Protein backbone atom coordinates (compact mmCIF):
# COMPACT_ATOMS: atom_id res chain seq x y z
CA MET A 1 59.27 -38.71 -4.18
CA ILE A 2 60.48 -40.33 -7.41
CA ALA A 3 63.09 -42.23 -5.39
CA TYR A 4 60.36 -43.79 -3.24
CA GLY A 5 58.50 -44.87 -6.36
CA CYS A 6 61.65 -46.48 -7.75
CA LEU A 7 62.30 -48.24 -4.45
CA GLY A 8 58.73 -49.52 -4.38
CA ILE A 9 59.00 -50.90 -7.92
CA LEU A 10 62.35 -52.50 -7.08
CA PHE A 11 60.89 -54.08 -3.95
CA LEU A 12 57.96 -55.53 -5.91
CA PHE A 13 60.33 -56.85 -8.58
CA VAL A 14 62.47 -58.61 -5.94
CA VAL A 15 59.43 -60.11 -4.24
CA ILE A 16 58.06 -61.41 -7.56
CA ARG A 17 61.46 -62.89 -8.50
CA ILE A 18 61.72 -64.67 -5.13
CA ILE A 19 58.21 -66.10 -5.49
CA LEU A 20 58.95 -67.30 -9.03
CA TYR A 21 62.24 -68.85 -7.88
CA TYR A 22 60.54 -70.88 -5.16
CA THR A 23 57.62 -71.98 -7.34
CA HIS A 24 59.78 -73.06 -10.31
CA ARG A 25 62.65 -74.49 -8.30
CA LYS A 26 63.59 -77.96 -9.51
CA ARG A 27 63.44 -80.79 -7.08
CA PRO A 28 66.79 -82.43 -6.34
CA PHE A 29 67.55 -85.71 -8.07
CA PRO A 30 67.38 -88.89 -6.03
CA ARG A 31 70.78 -90.18 -4.94
CA GLU A 32 70.50 -93.25 -7.18
CA GLU A 33 69.91 -91.09 -10.26
CA ILE A 34 72.98 -88.97 -9.49
CA ASP A 35 75.09 -92.11 -9.03
CA ARG A 36 73.87 -93.48 -12.37
CA GLN A 37 74.71 -90.25 -14.19
CA VAL A 38 78.18 -90.04 -12.64
CA LEU A 39 78.94 -93.66 -13.52
CA ALA A 40 77.75 -93.11 -17.09
CA LEU A 41 80.01 -90.06 -17.37
CA ILE A 42 83.02 -91.94 -16.00
CA ASN A 43 82.42 -94.92 -18.28
CA ASP A 44 82.08 -92.65 -21.32
CA ARG A 45 85.40 -90.96 -20.54
CA GLN A 46 87.16 -94.31 -20.08
CA GLU A 47 85.93 -95.55 -23.44
CA ARG A 48 87.36 -92.48 -25.19
CA SER A 49 90.84 -93.04 -23.69
């Protein structure tokens, strides 16, 4: 009986974590923003060399 209680609590914990993951998931960056960040990173590395 205790095992069923533990399984129930675990199930609720997993469901809550999945819901929180989908509600707080970050939206992907637009392609232009990713390109800008990559170019800035490359330019920064070239200046150090």
